């Protein structure tokens, strides 16, 4: 589909892959909503993209995705400004070196990387259905292969390891993507995931430890650029080639297989039901 004048919402939009995805969508003429945690950095990124792309239709909204009340407020703000959304890119992600809990008692890696995208998606689903054919794009990671879903320790509270918690959350993103795609089959809303690859971003900004900062620095030598990593998200948001495709994961613009656990339908269902209980929301429905 042509992305020109389509309402596209992207989280984590002021830096890294999110900023480059925003740049690509703005260049294609999207009516872009950039969601950022820091208003000052968000405004600077938005103003820069308006000048660089010549697209004046770029709006900024602020939200700390570790806070479910703020996610709810974001959805209300979107509903007050738009009567439909064609594209939602759940791009934001973070690594937390130390176990950190939100005011609502959620572990931050679980909240930011998995629960917030799920919550935002469900809250704006009426807008996505109104914009159908519409697309939901969830960013996962190749690190999901190192993750697992343990229902006795879903939020990594017993034994916390930052990269393990991140990998677990990215596996949950895939499982949630596949399950939601099944629930929304026939609705005109597609749900797909992206593995952007190792990209030079500020993902480790919350790592908080010297060793992990060094690790992220060393890995940068093997990383692709953020603009290259953003290409698949832009492709899924705008290409007619993927019209109607749903419940898949893409890397480098091609469908890829993910871990065996990610396809476990019983685990997908159980994870989804527990997540809805935490969020106190109803399941998504196609109609």
C-alpha atoms as a PDB file:
ATOM      1  CA  UNK A   1       0.000   0.000   0.000  1.00  0.00           C
ATOM      2  CA  UNK A   2       1.075   3.577  -0.460  1.00  0.00           C
ATOM      3  CA  UNK A   3       2.084   5.041   2.883  1.00  0.00           C
ATOM      4  CA  UNK A   4       1.497   8.615   1.737  1.00  0.00           C
ATOM      5  CA  UNK A   5      -0.835  10.460   4.134  1.00  0.00           C
ATOM      6  CA  UNK A   6      -1.393   7.271   6.145  1.00  0.00           C
ATOM      7  CA  UNK A   7      -1.342   7.626   9.946  1.00  0.00           C
ATOM      8  CA  UNK A   8       1.722   5.793  11.233  1.00  0.00           C
ATOM      9  CA  UNK A   9       2.571   5.556  14.938  1.00  0.00           C
ATOM     10  CA  UNK A  10       6.045   4.511  16.059  1.00  0.00           C
ATOM     11  CA  UNK A  11       7.404   4.134  19.582  1.00  0.00           C
ATOM     12  CA  UNK A  12      11.016   4.775  20.558  1.00  0.00           C
ATOM     13  CA  UNK A  13      11.153   7.173  17.644  1.00  0.00           C
ATOM     14  CA  UNK A  14      13.830   9.683  18.593  1.00  0.00           C
ATOM     15  CA  UNK A  15      16.979   7.571  18.204  1.00  0.00           C
ATOM     16  CA  UNK A  16      18.480   4.452  16.641  1.00  0.00           C
ATOM     17  CA  UNK A  17      16.288   2.168  14.565  1.00  0.00           C
ATOM     18  CA  UNK A  18      13.177   4.083  15.617  1.00  0.00           C
ATOM     19  CA  UNK A  19      14.509   7.373  14.309  1.00  0.00           C
ATOM     20  CA  UNK A  20      15.646   5.812  11.037  1.00  0.00           C
ATOM     21  CA  UNK A  21      12.282   4.090  10.611  1.00  0.00           C
ATOM     22  CA  UNK A  22      10.618   7.444  11.276  1.00  0.00           C
ATOM     23  CA  UNK A  23      12.866   9.060   8.671  1.00  0.00           C
ATOM     24  CA  UNK A  24      11.964   6.430   6.096  1.00  0.00           C
ATOM     25  CA  UNK A  25       8.220   6.678   6.696  1.00  0.00           C
ATOM     26  CA  UNK A  26       8.315  10.481   6.727  1.00  0.00           C
ATOM     27  CA  UNK A  27      10.229  10.478   3.442  1.00  0.00           C
ATOM     28  CA  UNK A  28       7.460   8.316   1.950  1.00  0.00           C
ATOM     29  CA  UNK A  29       4.905  10.946   2.989  1.00  0.00           C
ATOM     30  CA  UNK A  30       3.364   9.327   6.052  1.00  0.00           C
ATOM     31  CA  UNK A  31       1.333  11.275   8.568  1.00  0.00           C
ATOM     32  CA  UNK A  32       3.747  10.303  11.310  1.00  0.00           C
ATOM     33  CA  UNK A  33       3.289  10.162  15.093  1.00  0.00           C
ATOM     34  CA  UNK A  34       6.614   9.853  16.912  1.00  0.00           C
ATOM     35  CA  UNK A  35       6.281   8.503  20.456  1.00  0.00           C
ATOM     36  CA  UNK A  36       9.244   9.262  22.713  1.00  0.00           C
ATOM     37  CA  UNK A  37      10.040   9.024  26.422  1.00  0.00           C
ATOM     38  CA  UNK A  38      11.973  12.298  26.567  1.00  0.00           C
ATOM     39  CA  UNK A  39      10.100  15.313  25.215  1.00  0.00           C
ATOM     40  CA  UNK A  40      13.194  17.441  24.590  1.00  0.00           C
ATOM     41  CA  UNK A  41      14.978  14.736  22.603  1.00  0.00           C
ATOM     42  CA  UNK A  42      11.743  13.946  20.817  1.00  0.00           C
ATOM     43  CA  UNK A  43      11.215  17.545  19.753  1.00  0.00           C
ATOM     44  CA  UNK A  44      14.782  17.786  18.468  1.00  0.00           C
ATOM     45  CA  UNK A  45      14.362  14.570  16.470  1.00  0.00           C
ATOM     46  CA  UNK A  46      11.003  15.641  15.058  1.00  0.00           C
ATOM     47  CA  UNK A  47      12.231  19.108  14.050  1.00  0.00           C
ATOM     48  CA  UNK A  48      15.258  17.559  12.375  1.00  0.00           C
ATOM     49  CA  UNK A  49      13.150  15.099  10.388  1.00  0.00           C
ATOM     50  CA  UNK A  50      10.731  17.812   9.262  1.00  0.00           C
ATOM     51  CA  UNK A  51      13.673  19.781   7.838  1.00  0.00           C
ATOM     52  CA  UNK A  52      15.411  16.751   6.333  1.00  0.00           C
ATOM     53  CA  UNK A  53      12.370  15.119   4.722  1.00  0.00           C
ATOM     54  CA  UNK A  54      10.271  18.176   3.926  1.00  0.00           C
ATOM     55  CA  UNK A  55       7.289  16.425   5.511  1.00  0.00           C
ATOM     56  CA  UNK A  56       5.455  18.777   7.907  1.00  0.00           C
ATOM     57  CA  UNK A  57       3.023  16.077   9.054  1.00  0.00           C
ATOM     58  CA  UNK A  58       5.113  14.782  11.942  1.00  0.00           C
ATOM     59  CA  UNK A  59       3.587  14.887  15.415  1.00  0.00           C
ATOM     60  CA  UNK A  60       5.247  14.170  18.758  1.00  0.00           C
ATOM     61  CA  UNK A  61       3.622  12.368  21.685  1.00  0.00           C
ATOM     62  CA  UNK A  62       5.343  11.612  24.966  1.00  0.00           C
ATOM     63  CA  UNK A  63       5.112   8.316  26.840  1.00  0.00           C
ATOM     64  CA  UNK A  64       7.255   6.331  29.258  1.00  0.00           C
ATOM     65  CA  UNK A  65       6.444   2.789  28.168  1.00  0.00           C
ATOM     66  CA  UNK A  66       7.433   1.344  31.533  1.00  0.00           C
ATOM     67  CA  UNK A  67       4.270   2.980  32.913  1.00  0.00           C
ATOM     68  CA  UNK A  68       1.015   1.300  31.936  1.00  0.00           C
ATOM     69  CA  UNK A  69      -1.018   4.375  33.014  1.00  0.00           C
ATOM     70  CA  UNK A  70       1.068   6.459  30.599  1.00  0.00           C
ATOM     71  CA  UNK A  71       0.481   3.897  27.831  1.00  0.00           C
ATOM     72  CA  UNK A  72      -3.249   4.203  28.479  1.00  0.00           C
ATOM     73  CA  UNK A  73      -2.975   8.003  28.352  1.00  0.00           C
ATOM     74  CA  UNK A  74      -1.100   7.732  25.036  1.00  0.00           C
ATOM     75  CA  UNK A  75      -3.906   5.638  23.557  1.00  0.00           C
ATOM     76  CA  UNK A  76      -6.447   8.218  24.692  1.00  0.00           C
ATOM     77  CA  UNK A  77      -4.385  11.009  23.156  1.00  0.00           C
ATOM     78  CA  UNK A  78      -4.203   9.106  19.867  1.00  0.00           C
ATOM     79  CA  UNK A  79      -7.964   8.501  19.899  1.00  0.00           C
ATOM     80  CA  UNK A  80      -8.608  12.193  20.511  1.00  0.00           C
ATOM     81  CA  UNK A  81      -6.478  13.225  17.519  1.00  0.00           C
ATOM     82  CA  UNK A  82      -7.170  10.463  14.985  1.00  0.00           C
ATOM     83  CA  UNK A  83     -10.181   8.384  14.004  1.00  0.00           C
ATOM     84  CA  UNK A  84      -8.015   5.707  12.400  1.00  0.00           C
ATOM     85  CA  UNK A  85      -4.439   4.363  12.298  1.00  0.00           C
ATOM     86  CA  UNK A  86      -2.971   2.477   9.347  1.00  0.00           C
ATOM     87  CA  UNK A  87       0.392   1.459  10.846  1.00  0.00           C
ATOM     88  CA  UNK A  88       1.589   0.839  14.412  1.00  0.00           C
ATOM     89  CA  UNK A  89       5.297   0.122  14.856  1.00  0.00           C
ATOM     90  CA  UNK A  90       6.090  -1.135  18.363  1.00  0.00           C
ATOM     91  CA  UNK A  91       9.773  -0.309  18.109  1.00  0.00           C
ATOM     92  CA  UNK A  92      10.865   0.828  21.590  1.00  0.00           C
ATOM     93  CA  UNK A  93      13.112  -1.472  23.601  1.00  0.00           C
ATOM     94  CA  UNK A  94      15.584  -1.323  26.460  1.00  0.00           C
ATOM     95  CA  UNK A  95      18.047  -3.404  28.475  1.00  0.00           C
ATOM     96  CA  UNK A  96      18.164  -2.949  32.250  1.00  0.00           C
ATOM     97  CA  UNK A  97      21.351  -4.161  33.960  1.00  0.00           C
ATOM     98  CA  UNK A  98      19.800  -4.177  37.406  1.00  0.00           C
ATOM     99  CA  UNK A  99      16.417  -5.537  38.322  1.00  0.00           C
ATOM    100  CA  UNK A 100      14.165  -2.481  38.280  1.00  0.00           C
ATOM    101  CA  UNK A 101      10.493  -2.407  39.200  1.00  0.00           C
ATOM    102  CA  UNK A 102       7.882   0.057  37.996  1.00  0.00           C
ATOM    103  CA  UNK A 103       5.532   1.824  40.443  1.00  0.00           C
ATOM    104  CA  UNK A 104       2.878  -0.740  39.431  1.00  0.00           C
ATOM    105  CA  UNK A 105       5.190  -3.584  40.480  1.00  0.00           C
ATOM    106  CA  UNK A 106       6.244  -4.746  37.013  1.00  0.00           C
ATOM    107  CA  UNK A 107       9.820  -5.664  36.116  1.00  0.00           C
ATOM    108  CA  UNK A 108      11.026  -3.023  33.652  1.00  0.00           C
ATOM    109  CA  UNK A 109      12.412  -5.250  30.887  1.00  0.00           C
ATOM    110  CA  UNK A 110       9.162  -7.232  30.832  1.00  0.00           C
ATOM    111  CA  UNK A 111       7.120  -4.008  30.938  1.00  0.00           C
ATOM    112  CA  UNK A 112       8.945  -1.996  28.269  1.00  0.00           C
ATOM    113  CA  UNK A 113       9.850  -4.718  25.780  1.00  0.00           C
ATOM    114  CA  UNK A 114       6.750  -6.896  25.937  1.00  0.00           C
ATOM    115  CA  UNK A 115       3.811  -5.728  28.024  1.00  0.00           C
ATOM    116  CA  UNK A 116       3.644  -2.090  26.850  1.00  0.00           C
ATOM    117  CA  UNK A 117       3.480  -2.967  23.118  1.00  0.00           C
ATOM    118  CA  UNK A 118       0.794  -5.547  23.834  1.00  0.00           C
ATOM    119  CA  UNK A 119      -1.195  -3.044  25.886  1.00  0.00           C
ATOM    120  CA  UNK A 120      -0.866  -0.196  23.389  1.00  0.00           C
ATOM    121  CA  UNK A 121      -1.866  -2.485  20.531  1.00  0.00           C
ATOM    122  CA  UNK A 122      -5.035  -3.597  22.297  1.00  0.00           C
ATOM    123  CA  UNK A 123      -5.972  -0.083  23.336  1.00  0.00           C
ATOM    124  CA  UNK A 124      -5.682   1.343  19.806  1.00  0.00           C
ATOM    125  CA  UNK A 125      -7.109  -1.720  18.060  1.00  0.00           C
ATOM    126  CA  UNK A 126     -10.391   0.089  17.274  1.00  0.00           C
ATOM    127  CA  UNK A 127      -8.359   2.756  15.439  1.00  0.00           C
ATOM    128  CA  UNK A 128      -6.394   0.093  13.557  1.00  0.00           C
ATOM    129  CA  UNK A 129      -9.600  -1.665  12.547  1.00  0.00           C
ATOM    130  CA  UNK A 130     -11.012   1.648  11.393  1.00  0.00           C
ATOM    131  CA  UNK A 131      -7.897   2.091   9.246  1.00  0.00           C
ATOM    132  CA  UNK A 132      -7.955  -1.427   7.771  1.00  0.00           C
ATOM    133  CA  UNK A 133      -6.171  -2.719   5.853  1.00  0.00           C
ATOM    134  CA  UNK A 134      -3.727  -1.805   8.588  1.00  0.00           C
ATOM    135  CA  UNK A 135      -0.471  -3.189   9.923  1.00  0.00           C
ATOM    136  CA  UNK A 136       1.041  -3.894  13.335  1.00  0.00           C
ATOM    137  CA  UNK A 137       4.814  -4.344  13.374  1.00  0.00           C
ATOM    138  CA  UNK A 138       6.517  -5.622  16.528  1.00  0.00           C
ATOM    139  CA  UNK A 139      10.281  -5.503  16.935  1.00  0.00           C
ATOM    140  CA  UNK A 140      11.783  -8.678  18.298  1.00  0.00           C
ATOM    141  CA  UNK A 141      15.426  -9.766  18.224  1.00  0.00           C
ATOM    142  CA  UNK A 142      17.588 -12.703  17.211  1.00  0.00           C
ATOM    143  CA  UNK A 143      18.378 -12.910  20.909  1.00  0.00           C
ATOM    144  CA  UNK A 144      14.920 -14.420  21.417  1.00  0.00           C
ATOM    145  CA  UNK A 145      16.581 -17.759  20.655  1.00  0.00           C
ATOM    146  CA  UNK A 146      18.375 -17.485  23.999  1.00  0.00           C
ATOM    147  CA  UNK A 147      15.120 -16.765  25.792  1.00  0.00           C
ATOM    148  CA  UNK A 148      12.470 -18.957  27.338  1.00  0.00           C
ATOM    149  CA  UNK A 149       9.080 -18.419  28.931  1.00  0.00           C
ATOM    150  CA  UNK A 150       8.927 -19.615  32.527  1.00  0.00           C
ATOM    151  CA  UNK A 151       5.463 -19.188  33.929  1.00  0.00           C
ATOM    152  CA  UNK A 152       6.790 -19.590  37.474  1.00  0.00           C
ATOM    153  CA  UNK A 153       9.069 -16.581  36.927  1.00  0.00           C
ATOM    154  CA  UNK A 154       7.569 -14.668  34.020  1.00  0.00           C
ATOM    155  CA  UNK A 155       9.155 -11.359  35.037  1.00  0.00           C
ATOM    156  CA  UNK A 156      12.633 -12.710  35.858  1.00  0.00           C
ATOM    157  CA  UNK A 157      12.273 -11.822  39.523  1.00  0.00           C
ATOM    158  CA  UNK A 158      13.843 -14.949  41.031  1.00  0.00           C
ATOM    159  CA  UNK A 159      17.142 -14.891  39.172  1.00  0.00           C
ATOM    160  CA  UNK A 160      17.616 -11.667  37.270  1.00  0.00           C
ATOM    161  CA  UNK A 161      20.070 -11.417  34.395  1.00  0.00           C
ATOM    162  CA  UNK A 162      19.732  -8.386  32.150  1.00  0.00           C
ATOM    163  CA  UNK A 163      20.325 -10.032  28.787  1.00  0.00           C
ATOM    164  CA  UNK A 164      18.314 -13.112  29.733  1.00  0.00           C
ATOM    165  CA  UNK A 165      15.391 -10.895  30.764  1.00  0.00           C
ATOM    166  CA  UNK A 166      15.682  -9.015  27.464  1.00  0.00           C
ATOM    167  CA  UNK A 167      15.874 -12.264  25.447  1.00  0.00           C
ATOM    168  CA  UNK A 168      12.856 -13.668  27.292  1.00  0.00           C
ATOM    169  CA  UNK A 169      10.852 -10.511  26.564  1.00  0.00           C
ATOM    170  CA  UNK A 170      11.738 -10.613  22.867  1.00  0.00           C
ATOM    171  CA  UNK A 171      10.609 -14.240  22.714  1.00  0.00           C
ATOM    172  CA  UNK A 172       7.332 -13.138  24.314  1.00  0.00           C
ATOM    173  CA  UNK A 173       6.997 -10.467  21.612  1.00  0.00           C
ATOM    174  CA  UNK A 174       7.128 -13.181  18.957  1.00  0.00           C
ATOM    175  CA  UNK A 175       4.688 -15.426  20.769  1.00  0.00           C
ATOM    176  CA  UNK A 176       2.320 -12.511  21.241  1.00  0.00           C
ATOM    177  CA  UNK A 177       2.648 -11.559  17.578  1.00  0.00           C
ATOM    178  CA  UNK A 178       1.764 -15.029  16.344  1.00  0.00           C
ATOM    179  CA  UNK A 179      -1.145 -15.437  18.769  1.00  0.00           C
ATOM    180  CA  UNK A 180      -2.636 -12.013  18.040  1.00  0.00           C
ATOM    181  CA  UNK A 181      -2.361 -12.618  14.293  1.00  0.00           C
ATOM    182  CA  UNK A 182      -4.581 -15.666  14.731  1.00  0.00           C
ATOM    183  CA  UNK A 183      -7.118 -13.773  16.813  1.00  0.00           C
ATOM    184  CA  UNK A 184      -7.323 -10.962  14.250  1.00  0.00           C
ATOM    185  CA  UNK A 185      -7.515 -13.169  11.174  1.00  0.00           C
ATOM    186  CA  UNK A 186     -10.089 -11.762   8.777  1.00  0.00           C
ATOM    187  CA  UNK A 187     -10.137  -8.318  10.408  1.00  0.00           C
ATOM    188  CA  UNK A 188      -7.906  -6.603   7.841  1.00  0.00           C
ATOM    189  CA  UNK A 189      -5.301  -5.956  10.554  1.00  0.00           C
ATOM    190  CA  UNK A 190      -2.023  -7.801   9.969  1.00  0.00           C
ATOM    191  CA  UNK A 191       0.452  -8.532  12.771  1.00  0.00           C
ATOM    192  CA  UNK A 192       4.089  -9.284  11.986  1.00  0.00           C
ATOM    193  CA  UNK A 193       7.436  -9.177  13.740  1.00  0.00           C
ATOM    194  CA  UNK A 194      10.875  -7.915  12.757  1.00  0.00           C
ATOM    195  CA  UNK A 195      14.351  -9.103  13.630  1.00  0.00           C
ATOM    196  CA  UNK A 196      16.396  -6.002  12.770  1.00  0.00           C
ATOM    197  CA  UNK A 197      19.768  -7.639  13.389  1.00  0.00           C
ATOM    198  CA  UNK A 198      22.622  -6.241  15.445  1.00  0.00           C
ATOM    199  CA  UNK A 199      22.418  -2.524  14.900  1.00  0.00           C
ATOM    200  CA  UNK A 200      24.423   0.397  16.230  1.00  0.00           C
ATOM    201  CA  UNK A 201      21.856   1.886  18.597  1.00  0.00           C
ATOM    202  CA  UNK A 202      21.686   3.122  22.179  1.00  0.00           C
ATOM    203  CA  UNK A 203      19.914  -0.032  23.362  1.00  0.00           C
ATOM    204  CA  UNK A 204      22.386  -0.406  26.215  1.00  0.00           C
ATOM    205  CA  UNK A 205      21.829   3.062  27.612  1.00  0.00           C
ATOM    206  CA  UNK A 206      20.123   1.593  30.687  1.00  0.00           C
ATOM    207  CA  UNK A 207      22.712  -1.130  31.154  1.00  0.00           C
ATOM    208  CA  UNK A 208      24.319   0.692  34.039  1.00  0.00           C
ATOM    209  CA  UNK A 209      27.397  -1.524  34.272  1.00  0.00           C
ATOM    210  CA  UNK A 210      30.878  -0.936  32.900  1.00  0.00           C
ATOM    211  CA  UNK A 211      31.163  -4.495  31.601  1.00  0.00           C
ATOM    212  CA  UNK A 212      27.934  -4.288  29.648  1.00  0.00           C
ATOM    213  CA  UNK A 213      28.791  -0.848  28.273  1.00  0.00           C
ATOM    214  CA  UNK A 214      32.074  -2.310  27.008  1.00  0.00           C
ATOM    215  CA  UNK A 215      30.212  -5.298  25.579  1.00  0.00           C
ATOM    216  CA  UNK A 216      27.847  -3.064  23.628  1.00  0.00           C
ATOM    217  CA  UNK A 217      30.825  -1.031  22.440  1.00  0.00           C
ATOM    218  CA  UNK A 218      32.706  -4.092  21.187  1.00  0.00           C
ATOM    219  CA  UNK A 219      29.633  -5.501  19.486  1.00  0.00           C
ATOM    220  CA  UNK A 220      29.229  -2.226  17.586  1.00  0.00           C
ATOM    221  CA  UNK A 221      32.182  -3.237  15.414  1.00  0.00           C
ATOM    222  CA  UNK A 222      30.073  -6.142  14.140  1.00  0.00           C
ATOM    223  CA  UNK A 223      26.878  -4.158  13.844  1.00  0.00           C
ATOM    224  CA  UNK A 224      25.077  -2.787  10.863  1.00  0.00           C
ATOM    225  CA  UNK A 225      23.896   0.806  10.799  1.00  0.00           C
ATOM    226  CA  UNK A 226      20.581   1.810  12.342  1.00  0.00           C
ATOM    227  CA  UNK A 227      19.374   2.949   8.914  1.00  0.00           C
ATOM    228  CA  UNK A 228      20.098  -0.490   7.447  1.00  0.00           C
ATOM    229  CA  UNK A 229      18.402  -2.185  10.396  1.00  0.00           C
ATOM    230  CA  UNK A 230      15.309  -0.008   9.903  1.00  0.00           C
ATOM    231  CA  UNK A 231      14.763  -1.160   6.321  1.00  0.00           C
ATOM    232  CA  UNK A 232      12.648  -4.187   7.235  1.00  0.00           C
ATOM    233  CA  UNK A 233      10.304  -2.168   9.448  1.00  0.00           C
ATOM    234  CA  UNK A 234       9.867   0.363   6.649  1.00  0.00           C
ATOM    235  CA  UNK A 235       9.282  -2.473   4.177  1.00  0.00           C
ATOM    236  CA  UNK A 236       6.600  -4.083   6.344  1.00  0.00           C
ATOM    237  CA  UNK A 237       4.914  -0.728   6.904  1.00  0.00           C
ATOM    238  CA  UNK A 238       4.781   0.323   3.264  1.00  0.00           C
ATOM    239  CA  UNK A 239       5.327  -2.458   0.753  1.00  0.00           C
ATOM    240  CA  UNK A 240       2.416  -3.855  -1.286  1.00  0.00           C
ATOM    241  CA  UNK A 241       4.333  -7.157  -1.368  1.00  0.00           C
ATOM    242  CA  UNK A 242       3.262  -7.980   2.193  1.00  0.00           C
ATOM    243  CA  UNK A 243      -0.389  -6.943   1.893  1.00  0.00           C
ATOM    244  CA  UNK A 244      -2.460  -9.550   3.721  1.00  0.00           C
ATOM    245  CA  UNK A 245       0.512 -11.432   5.158  1.00  0.00           C
ATOM    246  CA  UNK A 246       0.230 -11.934   8.912  1.00  0.00           C
ATOM    247  CA  UNK A 247       1.654 -13.979  11.768  1.00  0.00           C
ATOM    248  CA  UNK A 248       5.196 -13.970  10.383  1.00  0.00           C
ATOM    249  CA  UNK A 249       8.654 -12.724  11.314  1.00  0.00           C
ATOM    250  CA  UNK A 250      10.860 -10.882   8.830  1.00  0.00           C
ATOM    251  CA  UNK A 251      14.571 -10.097   8.601  1.00  0.00           C
ATOM    252  CA  UNK A 252      16.211  -8.280   5.694  1.00  0.00           C
ATOM    253  CA  UNK A 253      12.763  -8.052   4.038  1.00  0.00           C
ATOM    254  CA  UNK A 254      12.364 -11.845   3.986  1.00  0.00           C
ATOM    255  CA  UNK A 255      10.297 -14.203   6.131  1.00  0.00           C
ATOM    256  CA  UNK A 256      12.410 -16.122   8.661  1.00  0.00           C
ATOM    257  CA  UNK A 257      11.835 -19.020  11.021  1.00  0.00           C
ATOM    258  CA  UNK A 258      12.080 -18.337  14.726  1.00  0.00           C
ATOM    259  CA  UNK A 259      12.723 -20.625  17.709  1.00  0.00           C
ATOM    260  CA  UNK A 260      10.615 -23.740  18.245  1.00  0.00           C
ATOM    261  CA  UNK A 261       9.292 -22.329  21.516  1.00  0.00           C
ATOM    262  CA  UNK A 262       7.951 -19.241  19.749  1.00  0.00           C
ATOM    263  CA  UNK A 263       5.521 -21.456  17.795  1.00  0.00           C
ATOM    264  CA  UNK A 264       4.186 -23.327  20.855  1.00  0.00           C
ATOM    265  CA  UNK A 265       0.482 -22.464  20.612  1.00  0.00           C
ATOM    266  CA  UNK A 266      -0.365 -23.618  24.125  1.00  0.00           C
ATOM    267  CA  UNK A 267       2.368 -21.404  25.597  1.00  0.00           C
ATOM    268  CA  UNK A 268       1.246 -18.532  23.366  1.00  0.00           C
ATOM    269  CA  UNK A 269      -2.309 -18.854  24.675  1.00  0.00           C
ATOM    270  CA  UNK A 270      -1.265 -19.125  28.312  1.00  0.00           C
ATOM    271  CA  UNK A 271       1.122 -16.163  28.051  1.00  0.00           C
ATOM    272  CA  UNK A 272      -1.585 -14.075  26.379  1.00  0.00           C
ATOM    273  CA  UNK A 273      -4.181 -14.899  29.029  1.00  0.00           C
ATOM    274  CA  UNK A 274      -1.795 -14.113  31.903  1.00  0.00           C
ATOM    275  CA  UNK A 275      -0.794 -10.842  30.226  1.00  0.00           C
ATOM    276  CA  UNK A 276      -4.425  -9.777  29.863  1.00  0.00           C
ATOM    277  CA  UNK A 277      -4.995 -10.562  33.535  1.00  0.00           C
ATOM    278  CA  UNK A 278      -2.067  -8.327  34.488  1.00  0.00           C
ATOM    279  CA  UNK A 279      -3.384  -5.524  32.263  1.00  0.00           C
ATOM    280  CA  UNK A 280      -7.028  -6.117  33.183  1.00  0.00           C
ATOM    281  CA  UNK A 281      -8.202  -5.995  29.561  1.00  0.00           C
ATOM    282  CA  UNK A 282     -10.340  -8.177  27.308  1.00  0.00           C
ATOM    283  CA  UNK A 283      -8.966 -10.396  24.506  1.00  0.00           C
ATOM    284  CA  UNK A 284      -8.700  -8.956  20.997  1.00  0.00           C
ATOM    285  CA  UNK A 285     -11.379  -9.982  18.528  1.00  0.00           C
ATOM    286  CA  UNK A 286     -11.487  -9.816  14.750  1.00  0.00           C
ATOM    287  CA  UNK A 287     -14.874  -8.099  14.641  1.00  0.00           C
END
